[in-house]
């Protein structure tokens, strides 16, 4: 297994647990891959003696679990961790210039859970400043002249470049699904609150979600079983009923992204899936305005003391957000929160009345834009994050410029297990010999 980093996470984890794969082989391959790729894409924060540290931690883990029979699910699996998660033994800068001691705190619950499942921390991955829009140095592994997306830039790029089979991220607007789409990997954002945000530096606490990146859906499901509260494997299901949201929301995607989703939908329909078009989010601009109001107001409150002490160290984009939030009063924030709760309920009711199991939409407004000054537009993820529904991005096509295009699947509140089961079925379909040709022909044929 020389190219172990290309192996899906469940297979890799099984090989490490069983002893079929020696960890030194993994570490050697990892060291080579970091030298070959990370100098260009800069997904990982620099760390002196990284390999030696990981080797020491692996030896401790091996001593704890000498017998293959009782090794935990992620035994010796290296995991990237976005630099807004507190990790024992690491400084946390959150992509900012603030002093690490001001941001210090106890280890994040998600990191502790991964370590409890046997995982090893590969290192910190690059984040935009405080998980907002000020970009870091990370480049897209498919074309370094393009953004990898954000704010979980380094985590998405690390998985795409084969530096890590699993990496933690967060999403407050589109910070998992957008970079997953841009980098051509799977990104999963569970239902709001399903994964603890304890030990994660917040941006907007009522909007922040913990999620992760993997090579495929099976890897995401393995991570979900470790990280999601009260996780249970989904029962066998038939083909889901799929919905495509018509209206102003979908018009925010460019032609390539819309055509990619339409091509997948048509092919699924030909295979016997029920696909329904539903007018959705007629007041989309108001939803987006409300989401950004909540984000700004909560960010201003989270950062009040840090901004008072270190305001001159903030990037202009983050500082502008905080200043805008300082002008929002409690009554307006409460009204926005109430409207969001109402929308969540009405969306659940709509899915039930229309018999929609899963929504299909572009995972990003298009392929990754050229340049590193912007991380792209999170507009396609905004409404689902706003109401806290679980969502997953799958690679589904390649743009005319050779960059990935992602498919976004969304289920109702709390239906994470069903969403991953449906995503696995659709992923198998997307990986068939025939389907990619259909998708690419549709993209080419539309110009």
Protein backbone atom coordinates (compact mmCIF):
# COMPACT_ATOMS: atom_id res chain seq x y z
CA UNK A 1 0.00 0.00 0.00
CA UNK A 2 2.58 2.54 -1.13
CA UNK A 3 0.04 5.24 -1.96
CA UNK A 4 -1.93 4.86 1.26
CA UNK A 5 -3.08 8.50 1.15
CA UNK A 6 -5.26 7.66 -1.86
CA UNK A 7 -7.02 4.90 0.05
CA UNK A 8 -10.51 5.76 1.44
CA UNK A 9 -10.50 6.50 5.15
CA UNK A 10 -12.38 3.35 6.27
CA UNK A 11 -9.94 1.08 4.39
CA UNK A 12 -6.95 2.96 5.75
CA UNK A 13 -8.30 2.85 9.30
CA UNK A 14 -8.99 -0.88 9.00
CA UNK A 15 -5.48 -1.57 7.70
CA UNK A 16 -3.92 0.36 10.59
CA UNK A 17 -6.12 -1.28 13.23
CA UNK A 18 -5.47 -4.79 11.92
CA UNK A 19 -1.75 -4.24 11.56
CA UNK A 20 -1.84 -5.00 7.84
CA UNK A 21 -0.32 -1.57 7.36
CA UNK A 22 2.63 -0.45 9.47
CA UNK A 23 2.53 3.11 10.75
CA UNK A 24 6.12 3.78 9.72
CA UNK A 25 5.06 3.24 6.12
CA UNK A 26 2.28 5.74 6.62
CA UNK A 27 4.64 8.24 8.19
CA UNK A 28 7.22 7.89 5.43
CA UNK A 29 4.58 8.44 2.77
CA UNK A 30 3.17 11.39 4.69
CA UNK A 31 6.57 13.03 5.01
CA UNK A 32 7.19 12.66 1.29
CA UNK A 33 3.77 14.04 0.41
CA UNK A 34 4.24 17.09 2.63
CA UNK A 35 7.60 17.83 1.00
CA UNK A 36 6.18 17.31 -2.50
CA UNK A 37 2.91 19.24 -2.14
CA UNK A 38 2.65 21.49 0.88
CA UNK A 39 5.42 23.86 -0.07
CA UNK A 40 3.24 24.94 -2.97
CA UNK A 41 -0.28 24.74 -1.54
CA UNK A 42 0.50 25.73 2.09
CA UNK A 43 -2.39 23.86 3.67
CA UNK A 44 -0.56 23.18 6.94
CA UNK A 45 0.78 25.68 9.42
CA UNK A 46 4.56 25.28 9.76
CA UNK A 47 5.70 23.00 12.55
CA UNK A 48 9.27 22.13 13.48
CA UNK A 49 9.92 18.41 13.92
CA UNK A 50 6.39 17.43 12.90
CA UNK A 51 7.29 13.88 11.92
CA UNK A 52 9.21 13.24 15.12
CA UNK A 53 6.29 14.47 17.22
CA UNK A 54 3.80 12.31 15.34
CA UNK A 55 6.08 9.30 15.72
CA UNK A 56 6.26 9.82 19.49
CA UNK A 57 2.48 10.13 19.76
CA UNK A 58 2.05 7.01 17.61
CA UNK A 59 4.34 5.06 19.91
CA UNK A 60 2.23 6.07 22.89
CA UNK A 61 -0.94 5.00 21.07
CA UNK A 62 0.63 1.68 20.08
CA UNK A 63 1.57 1.07 23.70
CA UNK A 64 -2.02 1.70 24.79
CA UNK A 65 -3.47 -0.71 22.23
CA UNK A 66 -1.06 -3.61 21.63
CA UNK A 67 -3.89 -5.93 20.55
CA UNK A 68 -5.68 -5.38 17.26
CA UNK A 69 -8.94 -6.65 18.73
CA UNK A 70 -9.60 -3.57 20.87
CA UNK A 71 -8.09 -0.77 18.81
CA UNK A 72 -10.42 2.21 18.32
CA UNK A 73 -12.02 3.27 15.05
CA UNK A 74 -9.41 5.85 13.96
CA UNK A 75 -6.33 4.14 15.39
CA UNK A 76 -3.20 6.00 14.15
CA UNK A 77 -5.11 7.94 11.48
CA UNK A 78 -3.52 11.40 10.95
CA UNK A 79 -6.04 14.24 11.11
CA UNK A 80 -5.72 17.89 10.12
CA UNK A 81 -7.26 20.43 12.49
CA UNK A 82 -8.36 23.92 11.46
CA UNK A 83 -6.55 26.58 13.45
CA UNK A 84 -9.61 27.80 15.31
CA UNK A 85 -9.79 24.54 17.31
CA UNK A 86 -7.83 24.46 20.54
CA UNK A 87 -5.39 21.55 20.51
CA UNK A 88 -3.23 20.63 23.51
CA UNK A 89 0.41 21.15 22.62
CA UNK A 90 -0.35 23.68 19.86
CA UNK A 91 -0.79 27.43 19.82
CA UNK A 92 -4.03 28.75 18.33
CA UNK A 93 -3.84 31.94 16.26
CA UNK A 94 -7.11 31.53 14.31
CA UNK A 95 -5.41 32.92 11.21
CA UNK A 96 -4.89 36.23 13.01
CA UNK A 97 -2.07 38.39 14.33
CA UNK A 98 -3.48 38.38 17.87
CA UNK A 99 -1.20 36.93 20.56
CA UNK A 100 -1.82 33.23 21.07
CA UNK A 101 -2.02 33.66 24.85
CA UNK A 102 -5.08 35.88 24.42
CA UNK A 103 -6.85 33.13 22.48
CA UNK A 104 -5.75 30.13 24.55
CA UNK A 105 -8.25 27.65 25.97
CA UNK A 106 -8.88 23.97 26.74
CA UNK A 107 -8.70 21.39 23.97
CA UNK A 108 -11.71 21.32 21.68
CA UNK A 109 -14.26 18.59 22.32
CA UNK A 110 -14.04 17.40 18.70
CA UNK A 111 -10.26 17.03 18.92
CA UNK A 112 -10.58 15.17 22.20
CA UNK A 113 -13.14 12.83 20.62
CA UNK A 114 -10.88 12.13 17.65
CA UNK A 115 -7.93 11.46 19.92
CA UNK A 116 -10.12 9.20 22.01
CA UNK A 117 -10.88 7.25 18.84
CA UNK A 118 -7.15 6.78 18.25
CA UNK A 119 -6.46 9.58 15.76
CA UNK A 120 -3.19 11.49 15.66
CA UNK A 121 -3.08 15.24 15.06
CA UNK A 122 -1.19 15.81 11.81
CA UNK A 123 -1.07 19.51 12.59
CA UNK A 124 -2.97 22.76 12.35
CA UNK A 125 -4.45 23.72 8.98
CA UNK A 126 -4.68 27.25 7.64
CA UNK A 127 -7.88 29.21 8.27
CA UNK A 128 -9.03 32.63 7.17
CA UNK A 129 -8.85 35.13 10.01
CA UNK A 130 -11.29 34.03 12.72
CA UNK A 131 -13.06 31.89 10.08
CA UNK A 132 -14.34 34.96 8.23
CA UNK A 133 -13.18 36.25 4.81
CA UNK A 134 -9.59 37.49 5.21
CA UNK A 135 -7.68 34.76 3.32
CA UNK A 136 -4.55 32.90 4.30
CA UNK A 137 -1.80 31.64 1.97
CA UNK A 138 -3.38 28.30 0.99
CA UNK A 139 -3.74 27.53 -2.73
CA UNK A 140 -6.04 25.18 -4.59
CA UNK A 141 -4.32 21.80 -5.17
CA UNK A 142 -5.93 21.53 -8.62
CA UNK A 143 -4.51 24.86 -9.76
CA UNK A 144 -2.41 26.98 -7.39
CA UNK A 145 -3.50 30.15 -9.19
CA UNK A 146 -7.01 29.64 -7.76
CA UNK A 147 -8.44 29.90 -4.26
CA UNK A 148 -9.18 26.72 -2.29
CA UNK A 149 -12.17 28.47 -0.75
CA UNK A 150 -12.61 29.36 2.88
CA UNK A 151 -12.69 29.65 5.71
CA UNK A 152 -11.56 26.03 6.11
CA UNK A 153 -9.01 26.57 3.37
CA UNK A 154 -6.18 24.42 4.69
CA UNK A 155 -8.38 21.51 5.73
CA UNK A 156 -10.01 21.16 2.31
CA UNK A 157 -6.68 21.54 0.49
CA UNK A 158 -4.95 19.06 2.81
CA UNK A 159 -7.47 16.32 2.02
CA UNK A 160 -7.48 17.15 -1.69
CA UNK A 161 -3.67 17.02 -1.84
CA UNK A 162 -3.49 13.74 0.05
CA UNK A 163 -1.86 15.20 3.14
CA UNK A 164 -4.62 13.95 5.43
CA UNK A 165 -7.48 11.47 5.00
CA UNK A 166 -9.62 13.52 7.42
CA UNK A 167 -9.56 17.17 8.45
CA UNK A 168 -11.76 19.24 10.73
CA UNK A 169 -13.41 22.45 9.59
CA UNK A 170 -16.19 24.80 10.58
CA UNK A 171 -19.01 26.50 8.70
CA UNK A 172 -20.82 29.72 9.57
CA UNK A 173 -21.98 30.52 6.02
CA UNK A 174 -20.27 28.18 3.54
CA UNK A 175 -16.86 27.41 5.01
CA UNK A 176 -16.99 23.62 4.58
CA UNK A 177 -19.09 22.95 1.50
CA UNK A 178 -17.64 25.74 -0.64
CA UNK A 179 -13.97 24.71 -0.19
CA UNK A 180 -14.96 21.05 -0.57
CA UNK A 181 -16.53 21.95 -3.93
CA UNK A 182 -13.54 24.05 -5.02
CA UNK A 183 -11.04 21.35 -4.02
CA UNK A 184 -12.96 18.32 -5.27
CA UNK A 185 -13.45 16.49 -1.96
CA UNK A 186 -16.38 15.55 0.27
CA UNK A 187 -17.34 18.11 2.90
CA UNK A 188 -19.99 17.36 5.53
CA UNK A 189 -21.75 19.87 7.79
CA UNK A 190 -23.98 18.10 10.31
CA UNK A 191 -27.18 19.50 11.78
CA UNK A 192 -26.51 22.54 13.96
CA UNK A 193 -25.52 21.39 17.44
CA UNK A 194 -25.00 17.75 16.48
CA UNK A 195 -21.24 18.17 17.03
CA UNK A 196 -19.91 20.13 20.00
CA UNK A 197 -18.29 23.49 19.31
CA UNK A 198 -16.65 23.50 22.74
CA UNK A 199 -13.04 24.64 22.46
CA UNK A 200 -13.58 26.22 19.03
CA UNK A 201 -13.01 29.99 18.79
CA UNK A 202 -16.48 31.19 17.77
CA UNK A 203 -17.42 33.55 15.00
CA UNK A 204 -21.21 33.56 15.48
CA UNK A 205 -22.21 30.93 18.06
CA UNK A 206 -25.78 30.41 16.86
CA UNK A 207 -24.52 29.79 13.30
CA UNK A 208 -21.20 27.98 13.81
CA UNK A 209 -21.11 24.29 12.82
CA UNK A 210 -18.26 21.80 13.20
CA UNK A 211 -17.77 19.53 10.20
CA UNK A 212 -15.05 17.77 8.22
CA UNK A 213 -13.50 16.82 4.91
CA UNK A 214 -12.78 13.34 3.56
CA UNK A 215 -12.12 11.71 0.21
CA UNK A 216 -15.53 10.05 0.03
CA UNK A 217 -18.83 9.63 1.84
CA UNK A 218 -17.82 6.43 3.62
CA UNK A 219 -15.02 8.36 5.30
CA UNK A 220 -17.42 11.08 6.35
CA UNK A 221 -19.73 8.47 7.86
CA UNK A 222 -16.86 6.97 9.85
CA UNK A 223 -16.01 10.40 11.25
CA UNK A 224 -19.68 11.07 11.99
CA UNK A 225 -19.90 7.93 14.10
CA UNK A 226 -17.10 9.36 16.28
CA UNK A 227 -18.11 13.02 16.37
CA UNK A 228 -21.90 13.27 16.13
CA UNK A 229 -23.96 12.90 19.29
CA UNK A 230 -26.26 9.86 19.44
CA UNK A 231 -25.11 8.56 16.07
CA UNK A 232 -26.80 5.45 14.71
CA UNK A 233 -26.34 3.81 11.34
CA UNK A 234 -29.20 4.61 8.99
CA UNK A 235 -31.51 1.70 8.18
CA UNK A 236 -31.70 0.41 4.65
CA UNK A 237 -33.55 2.95 2.51
CA UNK A 238 -34.97 3.10 -0.94
CA UNK A 239 -34.10 5.76 -3.42
CA UNK A 240 -34.62 9.22 -1.93
CA UNK A 241 -37.04 11.70 -3.41
CA UNK A 242 -34.94 14.62 -4.65
CA UNK A 243 -35.90 18.28 -4.85
CA UNK A 244 -34.35 21.04 -6.96
CA UNK A 245 -34.95 24.53 -5.55
CA UNK A 246 -36.19 26.88 -8.26
CA UNK A 247 -36.23 30.63 -7.83
CA UNK A 248 -33.84 33.45 -6.94
CA UNK A 249 -31.58 31.26 -4.79
CA UNK A 250 -30.56 28.99 -7.67
CA UNK A 251 -29.90 31.96 -9.92
CA UNK A 252 -26.90 32.88 -7.79
CA UNK A 253 -25.03 29.90 -9.28
CA UNK A 254 -23.25 30.35 -12.59
CA UNK A 255 -24.15 28.45 -15.74
CA UNK A 256 -21.57 25.70 -15.30
CA UNK A 257 -22.65 24.92 -11.75
CA UNK A 258 -26.35 24.87 -12.64
CA UNK A 259 -25.77 22.71 -15.71
CA UNK A 260 -23.72 20.24 -13.68
CA UNK A 261 -26.55 19.78 -11.18
CA UNK A 262 -29.16 19.57 -13.93
CA UNK A 263 -27.12 16.89 -15.73
CA UNK A 264 -26.84 14.82 -12.55
CA UNK A 265 -30.55 15.28 -11.82
CA UNK A 266 -31.55 14.19 -15.32
CA UNK A 267 -29.35 11.13 -15.17
CA UNK A 268 -30.75 10.18 -11.76
CA UNK A 269 -34.26 10.64 -13.13
CA UNK A 270 -33.46 8.26 -15.97
CA UNK A 271 -32.29 5.76 -13.38
CA UNK A 272 -35.65 5.86 -11.61
CA UNK A 273 -35.15 8.58 -9.00
CA UNK A 274 -38.04 10.92 -8.31
CA UNK A 275 -36.83 14.49 -8.94
CA UNK A 276 -39.18 17.40 -8.24
CA UNK A 277 -38.71 21.09 -8.92
CA UNK A 278 -40.02 23.33 -6.14
CA UNK A 279 -40.16 27.12 -5.96
CA UNK A 280 -38.09 27.92 -2.91
CA UNK A 281 -36.83 30.93 -0.98
CA UNK A 282 -38.77 33.65 -2.85
CA UNK A 283 -37.47 36.03 -0.16
CA UNK A 284 -33.88 34.81 -0.52
CA UNK A 285 -32.33 38.28 -0.34
CA UNK A 286 -34.09 38.86 2.99
CA UNK A 287 -32.82 35.51 4.30
CA UNK A 288 -29.27 36.46 3.29
CA UNK A 289 -29.61 39.90 4.92
CA UNK A 290 -30.89 38.33 8.12
CA UNK A 291 -28.10 35.77 8.22
CA UNK A 292 -25.45 38.43 7.83
CA UNK A 293 -27.11 40.55 10.52
CA UNK A 294 -26.94 37.66 12.99
CA UNK A 295 -23.35 36.91 12.01
CA UNK A 296 -22.20 40.51 12.45
CA UNK A 297 -24.05 41.04 15.74
CA UNK A 298 -22.74 37.84 17.30
CA UNK A 299 -19.20 38.36 16.02
CA UNK A 300 -19.16 41.84 17.60
CA UNK A 301 -20.20 40.36 20.93
CA UNK A 302 -17.72 37.45 20.78
CA UNK A 303 -14.84 39.75 19.88
CA UNK A 304 -15.76 42.73 22.05
CA UNK A 305 -12.86 42.42 24.48
CA UNK A 306 -10.29 41.16 21.97
CA UNK A 307 -11.22 43.96 19.58
CA UNK A 308 -10.93 46.55 22.35
CA UNK A 309 -7.43 45.37 23.20
CA UNK A 310 -6.11 44.38 19.78
CA UNK A 311 -8.30 46.15 17.24
CA UNK A 312 -5.33 47.39 15.22
CA UNK A 313 -4.21 43.79 14.64
CA UNK A 314 -7.42 42.69 12.90
CA UNK A 315 -7.68 42.43 9.13
CA UNK A 316 -9.84 45.14 7.62
CA UNK A 317 -12.52 42.62 6.52
CA UNK A 318 -12.92 41.23 10.03
CA UNK A 319 -12.77 44.66 11.63
CA UNK A 320 -15.52 45.92 9.31
CA UNK A 321 -17.73 42.98 10.31
CA UNK A 322 -17.24 43.68 14.00
CA UNK A 323 -17.92 47.40 13.63
CA UNK A 324 -21.10 46.64 11.69
CA UNK A 325 -22.19 44.25 14.42
CA UNK A 326 -21.62 46.84 17.13
CA UNK A 327 -24.35 48.97 15.55
CA UNK A 328 -26.99 46.20 15.69
CA UNK A 329 -29.29 46.40 18.69
CA UNK A 330 -30.67 43.47 20.66
CA UNK A 331 -34.21 43.91 19.36
CA UNK A 332 -33.11 43.54 15.74
CA UNK A 333 -30.99 40.51 16.60
CA UNK A 334 -33.87 38.87 18.47
CA UNK A 335 -36.24 39.49 15.54
CA UNK A 336 -33.76 37.93 13.10
CA UNK A 337 -33.36 34.89 15.34
CA UNK A 338 -37.12 34.46 15.62
CA UNK A 339 -37.53 34.66 11.83
CA UNK A 340 -34.80 32.08 11.41
CA UNK A 341 -36.56 29.65 13.75
CA UNK A 342 -39.80 30.16 11.83
CA UNK A 343 -38.06 29.45 8.53
CA UNK A 344 -36.51 26.26 9.90
CA UNK A 345 -39.93 24.97 10.90
CA UNK A 346 -41.58 25.96 7.62
CA UNK A 347 -38.81 24.32 5.58
CA UNK A 348 -39.26 21.08 7.48
CA UNK A 349 -43.01 21.25 6.90
CA UNK A 350 -42.49 21.97 3.19
CA UNK A 351 -40.20 18.97 2.73
CA UNK A 352 -42.78 16.75 4.36
CA UNK A 353 -45.70 18.13 2.32
CA UNK A 354 -43.79 17.84 -0.97
CA UNK A 355 -42.30 14.45 -0.07
CA UNK A 356 -38.74 15.75 -0.51
CA UNK A 357 -36.06 13.70 1.22
CA UNK A 358 -33.02 15.58 -0.05
CA UNK A 359 -32.49 18.88 -1.85
CA UNK A 360 -29.97 19.07 -4.71
CA UNK A 361 -28.16 22.31 -5.55
CA UNK A 362 -24.71 23.52 -6.53
CA UNK A 363 -22.26 23.33 -3.62
CA UNK A 364 -20.73 26.63 -4.74
CA UNK A 365 -21.64 29.38 -7.15
CA UNK A 366 -19.16 27.96 -9.67
CA UNK A 367 -15.63 26.55 -9.83
CA UNK A 368 -12.90 28.15 -7.72
CA UNK A 369 -12.20 31.73 -8.81
CA UNK A 370 -8.73 32.71 -9.96
CA UNK A 371 -6.61 34.57 -7.40
CA UNK A 372 -6.07 34.36 -3.66
CA UNK A 373 -7.46 37.73 -2.57
CA UNK A 374 -10.96 36.22 -2.22
CA UNK A 375 -12.17 32.81 -1.03
CA UNK A 376 -15.28 32.90 -3.23
CA UNK A 377 -18.97 33.44 -2.58
CA UNK A 378 -20.71 31.22 0.03
CA UNK A 379 -24.18 32.17 -1.20
CA UNK A 380 -25.21 28.63 -2.22
CA UNK A 381 -24.66 27.34 1.33
CA UNK A 382 -26.13 30.29 3.21
CA UNK A 383 -29.81 29.30 3.57
CA UNK A 384 -29.04 25.77 4.75
CA UNK A 385 -26.53 27.00 7.34
CA UNK A 386 -29.04 29.65 8.37
CA UNK A 387 -31.62 27.01 9.34
CA UNK A 388 -29.06 24.48 10.57
CA UNK A 389 -29.96 21.65 8.19
CA UNK A 390 -27.32 18.96 7.51
CA UNK A 391 -25.57 19.33 4.16
CA UNK A 392 -22.87 17.53 2.21
CA UNK A 393 -20.83 18.42 -0.88
CA UNK A 394 -19.78 15.74 -3.39
CA UNK A 395 -17.58 16.20 -6.46
CA UNK A 396 -19.88 15.87 -9.47
CA UNK A 397 -18.23 17.40 -12.54
CA UNK A 398 -15.23 19.18 -13.96
CA UNK A 399 -15.44 22.72 -15.33
CA UNK A 400 -14.20 23.80 -18.74
CA UNK A 401 -11.09 25.13 -16.99
CA UNK A 402 -10.41 21.73 -15.40
CA UNK A 403 -11.52 22.63 -11.87
CA UNK A 404 -13.94 20.60 -9.73
CA UNK A 405 -17.63 21.40 -9.42
CA UNK A 406 -19.53 20.13 -6.38
CA UNK A 407 -23.07 18.88 -5.80
CA UNK A 408 -24.75 19.95 -2.54
CA UNK A 409 -27.24 17.60 -0.86
CA UNK A 410 -29.35 18.83 2.05
CA UNK A 411 -31.71 16.94 4.37
CA UNK A 412 -34.08 18.11 7.06
CA UNK A 413 -33.06 18.98 10.61
CA UNK A 414 -31.65 15.96 12.45
CA UNK A 415 -31.66 13.64 9.43
CA UNK A 416 -27.87 13.38 9.24
CA UNK A 417 -27.79 9.59 9.09
CA UNK A 418 -30.31 9.50 6.26
CA UNK A 419 -28.46 12.24 4.39
CA UNK A 420 -25.19 10.30 4.46
CA UNK A 421 -26.94 7.11 3.37
CA UNK A 422 -28.53 8.97 0.44
CA UNK A 423 -25.24 10.66 -0.39
CA UNK A 424 -23.50 7.27 -0.50
CA UNK A 425 -26.06 6.01 -3.02
CA UNK A 426 -25.70 9.08 -5.20
CA UNK A 427 -21.90 8.97 -4.91
CA UNK A 428 -21.91 5.40 -6.21
CA UNK A 429 -23.99 6.57 -9.11
CA UNK A 430 -21.67 9.51 -9.79
CA UNK A 431 -18.66 7.21 -9.86
CA UNK A 432 -20.17 4.88 -12.46
CA UNK A 433 -18.50 4.65 -15.86
CA UNK A 434 -21.40 6.25 -17.70
CA UNK A 435 -22.43 9.13 -15.50
CA UNK A 436 -19.31 11.36 -15.71
CA UNK A 437 -19.49 11.25 -19.51
CA UNK A 438 -23.10 12.39 -19.36
CA UNK A 439 -22.25 15.24 -16.99
CA UNK A 440 -19.24 16.43 -18.96
CA UNK A 441 -21.09 16.21 -22.27
CA UNK A 442 -23.88 18.31 -20.78
CA UNK A 443 -21.37 20.92 -19.66
CA UNK A 444 -19.64 21.02 -23.03
CA UNK A 445 -22.88 21.01 -24.98
CA UNK A 446 -24.15 24.07 -23.12
CA UNK A 447 -21.10 26.05 -24.10
